[in-house]
Amino acid sequence: MQERIDLIVKILDEKKAEDIKTFDMSKEEYFVKCVIIAATLGEKHALSLIDELKTKLKNKGEEFLNIDSSEEWSVIDLGDILIHLLTPQHRGIYNIEELLESLKKNKTN
């Protein structure tokens, strides 16, 4: 699993995604084991990131279950890994990082 996550982060970083963060959700009651969040420079950048992920990950046997993409936010579902690509503005609005961290904290309380 960690090798897959590292490869995804490397691909995103090489294609200039910004502020890439990973969240291990494997010990949480969440529908995926890992969430990866990255900021994009806009819709065209997000689409190029998706194309690069498809090209490089399909060769490694990854299965893309669903890709939902808009101008501000794209979500890629790999089954046990969820990748969010957001513009910085939408990332600030939705603050997924805070939600994921609160899920982890609530479990320990």
PDB file of N, CA and C in Angstrom:
ATOM      1  N   MET A   1       0.829  -1.203   0.000  1.00  0.00           N
ATOM      2  CA  MET A   1       0.000   0.000   0.000  1.00  0.00           C
ATOM      3  C   MET A   1       0.866   1.256   0.000  1.00  0.00           C
ATOM      4  N   GLN A   2       1.898   1.273   0.869  1.00  0.00           N
ATOM      5  CA  GLN A   2       2.722   2.472   0.959  1.00  0.00           C
ATOM      6  C   GLN A   2       3.454   2.757  -0.350  1.00  0.00           C
ATOM      7  N   GLU A   3       3.861   1.708  -1.047  1.00  0.00           N
ATOM      8  CA  GLU A   3       4.521   1.904  -2.344  1.00  0.00           C
ATOM      9  C   GLU A   3       3.582   2.577  -3.336  1.00  0.00           C
ATOM     10  N   ARG A   4       2.331   2.169  -3.324  1.00  0.00           N
ATOM     11  CA  ARG A   4       1.327   2.772  -4.216  1.00  0.00           C
ATOM     12  C   ARG A   4       1.133   4.244  -3.878  1.00  0.00           C
ATOM     13  N   ILE A   5       1.020   4.539  -2.599  1.00  0.00           N
ATOM     14  CA  ILE A   5       0.829   5.928  -2.153  1.00  0.00           C
ATOM     15  C   ILE A   5       2.041   6.767  -2.553  1.00  0.00           C
ATOM     16  N   ASP A   6       3.229   6.236  -2.296  1.00  0.00           N
ATOM     17  CA  ASP A   6       4.456   6.964  -2.649  1.00  0.00           C
ATOM     18  C   ASP A   6       4.523   7.249  -4.148  1.00  0.00           C
ATOM     19  N   LEU A   7       4.116   6.288  -4.968  1.00  0.00           N
ATOM     20  CA  LEU A   7       4.129   6.478  -6.415  1.00  0.00           C
ATOM     21  C   LEU A   7       3.144   7.570  -6.834  1.00  0.00           C
ATOM     22  N   ILE A   8       1.952   7.555  -6.261  1.00  0.00           N
ATOM     23  CA  ILE A   8       0.952   8.580  -6.574  1.00  0.00           C
ATOM     24  C   ILE A   8       1.472   9.964  -6.197  1.00  0.00           C
ATOM     25  N   VAL A   9       2.045  10.085  -5.008  1.00  0.00           N
ATOM     26  CA  VAL A   9       2.591  11.364  -4.554  1.00  0.00           C
ATOM     27  C   VAL A   9       3.715  11.808  -5.487  1.00  0.00           C
ATOM     28  N   LYS A  10       4.564  10.886  -5.893  1.00  0.00           N
ATOM     29  CA  LYS A  10       5.668  11.215  -6.796  1.00  0.00           C
ATOM     30  C   LYS A  10       5.144  11.728  -8.137  1.00  0.00           C
ATOM     31  N   ILE A  11       4.144  11.061  -8.687  1.00  0.00           N
ATOM     32  CA  ILE A  11       3.552  11.482  -9.969  1.00  0.00           C
ATOM     33  C   ILE A  11       2.964  12.882  -9.834  1.00  0.00           C
ATOM     34  N   LEU A  12       2.202  13.115  -8.774  1.00  0.00           N
ATOM     35  CA  LEU A  12       1.593  14.431  -8.560  1.00  0.00           C
ATOM     36  C   LEU A  12       2.660  15.510  -8.403  1.00  0.00           C
ATOM     37  N   ASP A  13       3.700  15.192  -7.652  1.00  0.00           N
ATOM     38  CA  ASP A  13       4.770  16.157  -7.421  1.00  0.00           C
ATOM     39  C   ASP A  13       5.511  16.484  -8.721  1.00  0.00           C
ATOM     40  N   GLU A  14       5.795  15.461  -9.518  1.00  0.00           N
ATOM     41  CA  GLU A  14       6.505  15.675 -10.780  1.00  0.00           C
ATOM     42  C   GLU A  14       5.697  16.535 -11.752  1.00  0.00           C
ATOM     43  N   LYS A  15       4.370  16.464 -11.656  1.00  0.00           N
ATOM     44  CA  LYS A  15       3.501  17.244 -12.547  1.00  0.00           C
ATOM     45  C   LYS A  15       3.058  18.552 -11.897  1.00  0.00           C
ATOM     46  N   LYS A  16       3.775  18.970 -10.861  1.00  0.00           N
ATOM     47  CA  LYS A  16       3.609  20.289 -10.239  1.00  0.00           C
ATOM     48  C   LYS A  16       2.322  20.482  -9.439  1.00  0.00           C
ATOM     49  N   ALA A  17       1.745  19.385  -8.926  1.00  0.00           N
ATOM     50  CA  ALA A  17       0.658  19.553  -7.955  1.00  0.00           C
ATOM     51  C   ALA A  17       1.284  20.157  -6.705  1.00  0.00           C
ATOM     52  N   GLU A  18       0.504  20.928  -5.967  1.00  0.00           N
ATOM     53  CA  GLU A  18       1.041  21.636  -4.812  1.00  0.00           C
ATOM     54  C   GLU A  18       0.408  21.140  -3.514  1.00  0.00           C
ATOM     55  N   ASP A  19       1.143  21.316  -2.417  1.00  0.00           N
ATOM     56  CA  ASP A  19       0.647  21.027  -1.070  1.00  0.00           C
ATOM     57  C   ASP A  19      -0.004  19.643  -0.991  1.00  0.00           C
ATOM     58  N   ILE A  20       0.757  18.622  -1.378  1.00  0.00           N
ATOM     59  CA  ILE A  20       0.250  17.246  -1.406  1.00  0.00           C
ATOM     60  C   ILE A  20       0.272  16.686   0.017  1.00  0.00           C
ATOM     61  N   LYS A  21      -0.860  16.155   0.441  1.00  0.00           N
ATOM     62  CA  LYS A  21      -0.962  15.560   1.776  1.00  0.00           C
ATOM     63  C   LYS A  21      -1.618  14.192   1.672  1.00  0.00           C
ATOM     64  N   THR A  22      -1.151  13.277   2.506  1.00  0.00           N
ATOM     65  CA  THR A  22      -1.753  11.943   2.562  1.00  0.00           C
ATOM     66  C   THR A  22      -2.331  11.719   3.954  1.00  0.00           C
ATOM     67  N   PHE A  23      -3.416  10.986   3.999  1.00  0.00           N
ATOM     68  CA  PHE A  23      -4.085  10.676   5.259  1.00  0.00           C
ATOM     69  C   PHE A  23      -4.325   9.174   5.334  1.00  0.00           C
ATOM     70  N   ASP A  24      -3.694   8.534   6.318  1.00  0.00           N
ATOM     71  CA  ASP A  24      -3.881   7.108   6.548  1.00  0.00           C
ATOM     72  C   ASP A  24      -5.191   6.932   7.304  1.00  0.00           C
ATOM     73  N   MET A  25      -6.175   6.373   6.636  1.00  0.00           N
ATOM     74  CA  MET A  25      -7.484   6.172   7.254  1.00  0.00           C
ATOM     75  C   MET A  25      -7.747   4.695   7.537  1.00  0.00           C
ATOM     76  N   SER A  26      -6.705   3.862   7.435  1.00  0.00           N
ATOM     77  CA  SER A  26      -6.867   2.412   7.566  1.00  0.00           C
ATOM     78  C   SER A  26      -7.353   1.983   8.954  1.00  0.00           C
ATOM     79  N   LYS A  27      -7.073   2.776   9.967  1.00  0.00           N
ATOM     80  CA  LYS A  27      -7.506   2.426  11.323  1.00  0.00           C
ATOM     81  C   LYS A  27      -8.815   3.116  11.698  1.00  0.00           C
ATOM     82  N   GLU A  28      -9.360   3.863  10.766  1.00  0.00           N
ATOM     83  CA  GLU A  28     -10.597   4.608  11.022  1.00  0.00           C
ATOM     84  C   GLU A  28     -11.784   3.889  10.381  1.00  0.00           C
ATOM     85  N   GLU A  29     -12.971   4.261  10.818  1.00  0.00           N
ATOM     86  CA  GLU A  29     -14.177   3.755  10.174  1.00  0.00           C
ATOM     87  C   GLU A  29     -14.489   4.669   8.997  1.00  0.00           C
ATOM     88  N   TYR A  30     -13.735   4.468   7.923  1.00  0.00           N
ATOM     89  CA  TYR A  30     -13.848   5.296   6.730  1.00  0.00           C
ATOM     90  C   TYR A  30     -13.895   4.365   5.536  1.00  0.00           C
ATOM     91  N   PHE A  31     -14.434   4.811   4.430  1.00  0.00           N
ATOM     92  CA  PHE A  31     -14.675   3.912   3.305  1.00  0.00           C
ATOM     93  C   PHE A  31     -13.454   3.639   2.427  1.00  0.00           C
ATOM     94  N   VAL A  32     -12.345   4.331   2.666  1.00  0.00           N
ATOM     95  CA  VAL A  32     -11.088   4.040   1.981  1.00  0.00           C
ATOM     96  C   VAL A  32      -9.963   3.979   3.018  1.00  0.00           C
ATOM     97  N   LYS A  33      -8.854   3.367   2.631  1.00  0.00           N
ATOM     98  CA  LYS A  33      -7.723   3.242   3.553  1.00  0.00           C
ATOM     99  C   LYS A  33      -6.818   4.466   3.536  1.00  0.00           C
ATOM    100  N   CYS A  34      -6.825   5.195   2.415  1.00  0.00           N
ATOM    101  CA  CYS A  34      -5.949   6.357   2.301  1.00  0.00           C
ATOM    102  C   CYS A  34      -6.624   7.443   1.466  1.00  0.00           C
ATOM    103  N   VAL A  35      -6.413   8.681   1.871  1.00  0.00           N
ATOM    104  CA  VAL A  35      -6.893   9.835   1.111  1.00  0.00           C
ATOM    105  C   VAL A  35      -5.672  10.691   0.780  1.00  0.00           C
ATOM    106  N   ILE A  36      -5.580  11.072  -0.485  1.00  0.00           N
ATOM    107  CA  ILE A  36      -4.502  11.955  -0.931  1.00  0.00           C
ATOM    108  C   ILE A  36      -5.154  13.230  -1.451  1.00  0.00           C
ATOM    109  N   ILE A  37      -4.656  14.375  -0.992  1.00  0.00           N
ATOM    110  CA  ILE A  37      -5.208  15.665  -1.392  1.00  0.00           C
ATOM    111  C   ILE A  37      -4.078  16.511  -1.969  1.00  0.00           C
ATOM    112  N   ALA A  38      -4.362  17.157  -3.099  1.00  0.00           N
ATOM    113  CA  ALA A  38      -3.364  18.034  -3.707  1.00  0.00           C
ATOM    114  C   ALA A  38      -4.053  19.235  -4.339  1.00  0.00           C
ATOM    115  N   ALA A  39      -3.328  20.345  -4.373  1.00  0.00           N
ATOM    116  CA  ALA A  39      -3.842  21.562  -5.004  1.00  0.00           C
ATOM    117  C   ALA A  39      -3.395  21.594  -6.466  1.00  0.00           C
ATOM    118  N   THR A  40      -4.301  22.080  -7.330  1.00  0.00           N
ATOM    119  CA  THR A  40      -4.006  22.209  -8.754  1.00  0.00           C
ATOM    120  C   THR A  40      -3.973  23.689  -9.134  1.00  0.00           C
ATOM    121  N   LEU A  41      -3.478  23.940 -10.309  1.00  0.00           N
ATOM    122  CA  LEU A  41      -3.437  25.307 -10.821  1.00  0.00           C
ATOM    123  C   LEU A  41      -4.694  25.653 -11.609  1.00  0.00           C
ATOM    124  N   GLY A  42      -5.628  24.713 -11.714  1.00  0.00           N
ATOM    125  CA  GLY A  42      -6.866  24.935 -12.441  1.00  0.00           C
ATOM    126  C   GLY A  42      -7.315  23.673 -13.149  1.00  0.00           C
ATOM    127  N   GLU A  43      -8.386  23.783 -13.930  1.00  0.00           N
ATOM    128  CA  GLU A  43      -8.996  22.616 -14.564  1.00  0.00           C
ATOM    129  C   GLU A  43      -8.038  21.898 -15.513  1.00  0.00           C
ATOM    130  N   LYS A  44      -7.333  22.630 -16.359  1.00  0.00           N
ATOM    131  CA  LYS A  44      -6.417  21.997 -17.305  1.00  0.00           C
ATOM    132  C   LYS A  44      -5.296  21.254 -16.579  1.00  0.00           C
ATOM    133  N   HIS A  45      -4.805  21.845 -15.512  1.00  0.00           N
ATOM    134  CA  HIS A  45      -3.766  21.190 -14.723  1.00  0.00           C
ATOM    135  C   HIS A  45      -4.314  19.912 -14.093  1.00  0.00           C
ATOM    136  N   ALA A  46      -5.526  19.974 -13.557  1.00  0.00           N
ATOM    137  CA  ALA A  46      -6.142  18.788 -12.953  1.00  0.00           C
ATOM    138  C   ALA A  46      -6.300  17.682 -13.994  1.00  0.00           C
ATOM    139  N   LEU A  47      -6.751  18.037 -15.185  1.00  0.00           N
ATOM    140  CA  LEU A  47      -6.928  17.036 -16.243  1.00  0.00           C
ATOM    141  C   LEU A  47      -5.595  16.424 -16.650  1.00  0.00           C
ATOM    142  N   SER A  48      -4.543  17.220 -16.695  1.00  0.00           N
ATOM    143  CA  SER A  48      -3.232  16.664 -17.035  1.00  0.00           C
ATOM    144  C   SER A  48      -2.724  15.754 -15.910  1.00  0.00           C
ATOM    145  N   LEU A  49      -3.019  16.093 -14.665  1.00  0.00           N
ATOM    146  CA  LEU A  49      -2.654  15.223 -13.546  1.00  0.00           C
ATOM    147  C   LEU A  49      -3.391  13.890 -13.633  1.00  0.00           C
ATOM    148  N   ILE A  50      -4.673  13.949 -13.944  1.00  0.00           N
ATOM    149  CA  ILE A  50      -5.467  12.722 -14.077  1.00  0.00           C
ATOM    150  C   ILE A  50      -4.912  11.859 -15.208  1.00  0.00           C
ATOM    151  N   ASP A  51      -4.621  12.474 -16.347  1.00  0.00           N
ATOM    152  CA  ASP A  51      -4.057  11.718 -17.477  1.00  0.00           C
ATOM    153  C   ASP A  51      -2.745  11.049 -17.095  1.00  0.00           C
ATOM    154  N   GLU A  52      -1.895  11.773 -16.394  1.00  0.00           N
ATOM    155  CA  GLU A  52      -0.593  11.229 -15.987  1.00  0.00           C
ATOM    156  C   GLU A  52      -0.774  10.079 -14.995  1.00  0.00           C
ATOM    157  N   LEU A  53      -1.693  10.237 -14.055  1.00  0.00           N
ATOM    158  CA  LEU A  53      -1.967   9.161 -13.099  1.00  0.00           C
ATOM    159  C   LEU A  53      -2.484   7.923 -13.824  1.00  0.00           C
ATOM    160  N   LYS A  54      -3.403   8.119 -14.762  1.00  0.00           N
ATOM    161  CA  LYS A  54      -3.935   6.977 -15.524  1.00  0.00           C
ATOM    162  C   LYS A  54      -2.829   6.277 -16.294  1.00  0.00           C
ATOM    163  N   THR A  55      -2.021   7.056 -16.982  1.00  0.00           N
ATOM    164  CA  THR A  55      -0.951   6.481 -17.799  1.00  0.00           C
ATOM    165  C   THR A  55       0.021   5.664 -16.953  1.00  0.00           C
ATOM    166  N   LYS A  56       0.462   6.227 -15.852  1.00  0.00           N
ATOM    167  CA  LYS A  56       1.486   5.559 -15.056  1.00  0.00           C
ATOM    168  C   LYS A  56       0.948   4.483 -14.118  1.00  0.00           C
ATOM    169  N   LEU A  57      -0.265   4.663 -13.615  1.00  0.00           N
ATOM    170  CA  LEU A  57      -0.796   3.698 -12.644  1.00  0.00           C
ATOM    171  C   LEU A  57      -1.447   2.487 -13.298  1.00  0.00           C
ATOM    172  N   LYS A  58      -2.054   2.664 -14.454  1.00  0.00           N
ATOM    173  CA  LYS A  58      -2.669   1.508 -15.121  1.00  0.00           C
ATOM    174  C   LYS A  58      -1.604   0.488 -15.497  1.00  0.00           C
ATOM    175  N   ASN A  59      -0.396   0.966 -15.842  1.00  0.00           N
ATOM    176  CA  ASN A  59       0.714   0.052 -16.137  1.00  0.00           C
ATOM    177  C   ASN A  59       1.114  -0.772 -14.922  1.00  0.00           C
ATOM    178  N   LYS A  60       0.799  -0.252 -13.728  1.00  0.00           N
ATOM    179  CA  LYS A  60       1.122  -0.944 -12.468  1.00  0.00           C
ATOM    180  C   LYS A  60      -0.051  -1.797 -11.976  1.00  0.00           C
ATOM    181  N   GLY A  61      -1.119  -1.867 -12.768  1.00  0.00           N
ATOM    182  CA  GLY A  61      -2.265  -2.693 -12.404  1.00  0.00           C
ATOM    183  C   GLY A  61      -3.338  -1.987 -11.600  1.00  0.00           C
ATOM    184  N   GLU A  62      -3.226  -0.678 -11.424  1.00  0.00           N
ATOM    185  CA  GLU A  62      -4.268   0.066 -10.687  1.00  0.00           C
ATOM    186  C   GLU A  62      -5.553   0.096 -11.504  1.00  0.00           C
ATOM    187  N   GLU A  63      -6.655  -0.021 -10.800  1.00  0.00           N
ATOM    188  CA  GLU A  63      -7.963   0.053 -11.435  1.00  0.00           C
ATOM    189  C   GLU A  63      -8.656   1.339 -11.003  1.00  0.00           C
ATOM    190  N   PHE A  64      -9.026   2.145 -11.979  1.00  0.00           N
ATOM    191  CA  PHE A  64      -9.733   3.402 -11.713  1.00  0.00           C
ATOM    192  C   PHE A  64     -11.227   3.101 -11.695  1.00  0.00           C
ATOM    193  N   LEU A  65     -11.825   3.092 -10.497  1.00  0.00           N
ATOM    194  CA  LEU A  65     -13.239   2.767 -10.370  1.00  0.00           C
ATOM    195  C   LEU A  65     -14.133   3.909 -10.818  1.00  0.00           C
ATOM    196  N   ASN A  66     -13.697   5.145 -10.526  1.00  0.00           N
ATOM    197  CA  ASN A  66     -14.489   6.304 -10.923  1.00  0.00           C
ATOM    198  C   ASN A  66     -13.614   7.550 -10.904  1.00  0.00           C
ATOM    199  N   ILE A  67     -13.904   8.442 -11.837  1.00  0.00           N
ATOM    200  CA  ILE A  67     -13.263   9.756 -11.849  1.00  0.00           C
ATOM    201  C   ILE A  67     -14.377  10.779 -12.035  1.00  0.00           C
ATOM    202  N   ASP A  68     -14.502  11.667 -11.071  1.00  0.00           N
ATOM    203  CA  ASP A  68     -15.501  12.732 -11.134  1.00  0.00           C
ATOM    204  C   ASP A  68     -14.737  14.050 -11.174  1.00  0.00           C
ATOM    205  N   SER A  69     -14.926  14.812 -12.237  1.00  0.00           N
ATOM    206  CA  SER A  69     -14.098  15.997 -12.408  1.00  0.00           C
ATOM    207  C   SER A  69     -14.938  17.219 -12.761  1.00  0.00           C
ATOM    208  N   SER A  70     -14.583  18.345 -12.124  1.00  0.00           N
ATOM    209  CA  SER A  70     -15.188  19.629 -12.464  1.00  0.00           C
ATOM    210  C   SER A  70     -14.059  20.645 -12.575  1.00  0.00           C
ATOM    211  N   GLU A  71     -14.378  21.900 -12.817  1.00  0.00           N
ATOM    212  CA  GLU A  71     -13.352  22.929 -12.943  1.00  0.00           C
ATOM    213  C   GLU A  71     -12.548  23.099 -11.657  1.00  0.00           C
ATOM    214  N   GLU A  72     -13.192  22.925 -10.514  1.00  0.00           N
ATOM    215  CA  GLU A  72     -12.550  23.216  -9.235  1.00  0.00           C
ATOM    216  C   GLU A  72     -12.092  21.985  -8.458  1.00  0.00           C
ATOM    217  N   TRP A  73     -12.698  20.830  -8.740  1.00  0.00           N
ATOM    218  CA  TRP A  73     -12.471  19.678  -7.883  1.00  0.00           C
ATOM    219  C   TRP A  73     -12.587  18.401  -8.688  1.00  0.00           C
ATOM    220  N   SER A  74     -11.583  17.545  -8.577  1.00  0.00           N
ATOM    221  CA  SER A  74     -11.614  16.231  -9.210  1.00  0.00           C
ATOM    222  C   SER A  74     -11.377  15.180  -8.142  1.00  0.00           C
ATOM    223  N   VAL A  75     -12.115  14.077  -8.253  1.00  0.00           N
ATOM    224  CA  VAL A  75     -11.966  12.970  -7.313  1.00  0.00           C
ATOM    225  C   VAL A  75     -11.696  11.701  -8.114  1.00  0.00           C
ATOM    226  N   ILE A  76     -10.651  10.995  -7.717  1.00  0.00           N
ATOM    227  CA  ILE A  76     -10.279   9.751  -8.381  1.00  0.00           C
ATOM    228  C   ILE A  76     -10.408   8.632  -7.354  1.00  0.00           C
ATOM    229  N   ASP A  77     -11.218   7.633  -7.678  1.00  0.00           N
ATOM    230  CA  ASP A  77     -11.484   6.513  -6.773  1.00  0.00           C
ATOM    231  C   ASP A  77     -10.725   5.284  -7.266  1.00  0.00           C
ATOM    232  N   LEU A  78      -9.758   4.838  -6.473  1.00  0.00           N
ATOM    233  CA  LEU A  78      -9.002   3.628  -6.787  1.00  0.00           C
ATOM    234  C   LEU A  78      -9.441   2.456  -5.905  1.00  0.00           C
ATOM    235  N   GLY A  79     -10.594   2.584  -5.274  1.00  0.00           N
ATOM    236  CA  GLY A  79     -11.109   1.521  -4.411  1.00  0.00           C
ATOM    237  C   GLY A  79     -10.706   1.729  -2.963  1.00  0.00           C
ATOM    238  N   ASP A  80      -9.421   1.568  -2.675  1.00  0.00           N
ATOM    239  CA  ASP A  80      -8.959   1.755  -1.302  1.00  0.00           C
ATOM    240  C   ASP A  80      -8.177   3.057  -1.125  1.00  0.00           C
ATOM    241  N   ILE A  81      -7.983   3.781  -2.221  1.00  0.00           N
ATOM    242  CA  ILE A  81      -7.330   5.091  -2.178  1.00  0.00           C
ATOM    243  C   ILE A  81      -8.230   6.094  -2.896  1.00  0.00           C
ATOM    244  N   LEU A  82      -8.416   7.249  -2.275  1.00  0.00           N
ATOM    245  CA  LEU A  82      -9.197   8.323  -2.864  1.00  0.00           C
ATOM    246  C   LEU A  82      -8.276   9.525  -3.055  1.00  0.00           C
ATOM    247  N   ILE A  83      -8.265  10.082  -4.268  1.00  0.00           N
ATOM    248  CA  ILE A  83      -7.401  11.223  -4.569  1.00  0.00           C
ATOM    249  C   ILE A  83      -8.284  12.431  -4.861  1.00  0.00           C
ATOM    250  N   HIS A  84      -8.072  13.516  -4.126  1.00  0.00           N
ATOM    251  CA  HIS A  84      -8.788  14.772  -4.348  1.00  0.00           C
ATOM    252  C   HIS A  84      -7.814  15.773  -4.959  1.00  0.00           C
ATOM    253  N   LEU A  85      -8.176  16.343  -6.097  1.00  0.00           N
ATOM    254  CA  LEU A  85      -7.399  17.403  -6.729  1.00  0.00           C
ATOM    255  C   LEU A  85      -8.270  18.641  -6.738  1.00  0.00           C
ATOM    256  N   LEU A  86      -7.880  19.662  -5.987  1.00  0.00           N
ATOM    257  CA  LEU A  86      -8.710  20.860  -5.842  1.00  0.00           C
ATOM    258  C   LEU A  86      -7.916  22.115  -6.169  1.00  0.00           C
ATOM    259  N   THR A  87      -8.629  23.138  -6.639  1.00  0.00           N
ATOM    260  CA  THR A  87      -7.991  24.441  -6.746  1.00  0.00           C
ATOM    261  C   THR A  87      -7.739  24.927  -5.319  1.00  0.00           C
ATOM    262  N   PRO A  88      -6.760  25.778  -5.104  1.00  0.00           N
ATOM    263  CA  PRO A  88      -6.499  26.266  -3.739  1.00  0.00           C
ATOM    264  C   PRO A  88      -7.731  26.915  -3.101  1.00  0.00           C
ATOM    265  N   GLN A  89      -8.528  27.621  -3.892  1.00  0.00           N
ATOM    266  CA  GLN A  89      -9.722  28.273  -3.351  1.00  0.00           C
ATOM    267  C   GLN A  89     -10.718  27.246  -2.810  1.00  0.00           C
ATOM    268  N   HIS A  90     -10.979  26.204  -3.585  1.00  0.00           N
ATOM    269  CA  HIS A  90     -11.935  25.198  -3.123  1.00  0.00           C
ATOM    270  C   HIS A  90     -11.367  24.347  -1.999  1.00  0.00           C
ATOM    271  N   ARG A  91     -10.084  24.141  -2.033  1.00  0.00           N
ATOM    272  CA  ARG A  91      -9.472  23.396  -0.934  1.00  0.00           C
ATOM    273  C   ARG A  91      -9.681  24.149   0.369  1.00  0.00           C
ATOM    274  N   GLY A  92      -9.556  25.471   0.334  1.00  0.00           N
ATOM    275  CA  GLY A  92      -9.793  26.283   1.522  1.00  0.00           C
ATOM    276  C   GLY A  92     -11.241  26.279   1.957  1.00  0.00           C
ATOM    277  N   ILE A  93     -12.148  26.290   0.995  1.00  0.00           N
ATOM    278  CA  ILE A  93     -13.586  26.305   1.308  1.00  0.00           C
ATOM    279  C   ILE A  93     -14.020  25.007   1.978  1.00  0.00           C
ATOM    280  N   TYR A  94     -13.630  23.867   1.391  1.00  0.00           N
ATOM    281  CA  TYR A  94     -14.132  22.577   1.869  1.00  0.00           C
ATOM    282  C   TYR A  94     -13.282  21.968   2.979  1.00  0.00           C
ATOM    283  N   ASN A  95     -12.022  22.339   3.054  1.00  0.00           N
ATOM    284  CA  ASN A  95     -11.136  21.927   4.128  1.00  0.00           C
ATOM    285  C   ASN A  95     -11.279  20.453   4.508  1.00  0.00           C
ATOM    286  N   ILE A  96     -11.074  19.596   3.527  1.00  0.00           N
ATOM    287  CA  ILE A  96     -11.194  18.153   3.728  1.00  0.00           C
ATOM    288  C   ILE A  96     -10.198  17.667   4.775  1.00  0.00           C
ATOM    289  N   GLU A  97      -9.017  18.288   4.814  1.00  0.00           N
ATOM    290  CA  GLU A  97      -8.007  17.889   5.789  1.00  0.00           C
ATOM    291  C   GLU A  97      -8.547  17.955   7.214  1.00  0.00           C
ATOM    292  N   GLU A  98      -9.255  19.029   7.511  1.00  0.00           N
ATOM    293  CA  GLU A  98      -9.807  19.194   8.861  1.00  0.00           C
ATOM    294  C   GLU A  98     -10.836  18.104   9.163  1.00  0.00           C
ATOM    295  N   LEU A  99     -11.664  17.779   8.184  1.00  0.00           N
ATOM    296  CA  LEU A  99     -12.659  16.718   8.361  1.00  0.00           C
ATOM    297  C   LEU A  99     -11.971  15.386   8.665  1.00  0.00           C
ATOM    298  N   LEU A 100     -10.957  15.041   7.870  1.00  0.00           N
ATOM    299  CA  LEU A 100     -10.266  13.770   8.071  1.00  0.00           C
ATOM    300  C   LEU A 100      -9.566  13.732   9.428  1.00  0.00           C
ATOM    301  N   GLU A 101      -8.924  14.822   9.810  1.00  0.00           N
ATOM    302  CA  GLU A 101      -8.265  14.879  11.117  1.00  0.00           C
ATOM    303  C   GLU A 101      -9.281  14.764  12.254  1.00  0.00           C
ATOM    304  N   SER A 102     -10.441  15.382  12.089  1.00  0.00           N
ATOM    305  CA  SER A 102     -11.455  15.296  13.150  1.00  0.00           C
ATOM    306  C   SER A 102     -11.995  13.873  13.275  1.00  0.00           C
ATOM    307  N   LEU A 103     -12.092  13.154  12.165  1.00  0.00           N
ATOM    308  CA  LEU A 103     -12.518  11.753  12.239  1.00  0.00           C
ATOM    309  C   LEU A 103     -11.516  10.924  13.029  1.00  0.00           C
ATOM    310  N   LYS A 104     -10.248  11.192  12.826  1.00  0.00           N
ATOM    311  CA  LYS A 104      -9.213  10.467  13.546  1.00  0.00           C
ATOM    312  C   LYS A 104      -9.232  10.817  15.040  1.00  0.00           C
ATOM    313  N   LYS A 105      -9.402  12.082  15.358  1.00  0.00           N
ATOM    314  CA  LYS A 105      -9.408  12.521  16.754  1.00  0.00           C
ATOM    315  C   LYS A 105     -10.639  11.997  17.490  1.00  0.00           C
ATOM    316  N   ASN A 106     -11.798  12.003  16.831  1.00  0.00           N
ATOM    317  CA  ASN A 106     -13.026  11.539  17.479  1.00  0.00           C
ATOM    318  C   ASN A 106     -12.932  10.072  17.859  1.00  0.00           C
ATOM    319  N   LYS A 107     -12.196   9.305  17.094  1.00  0.00           N
ATOM    320  CA  LYS A 107     -12.055   7.887  17.407  1.00  0.00           C
ATOM    321  C   LYS A 107     -11.250   7.681  18.683  1.00  0.00           C
ATOM    322  N   THR A 108     -10.252   8.529  18.894  1.00  0.00           N
ATOM    323  CA  THR A 108      -9.401   8.372  20.081  1.00  0.00           C
ATOM    324  C   THR A 108     -10.042   8.923  21.345  1.00  0.00           C
ATOM    325  N   ASN A 109     -11.070   9.754  21.197  1.00  0.00           N
ATOM    326  CA  ASN A 109     -11.735  10.332  22.381  1.00  0.00           C
ATOM    327  C   ASN A 109     -12.766   9.403  22.948  1.00  0.00           C
TER     328      ASN A 109
END
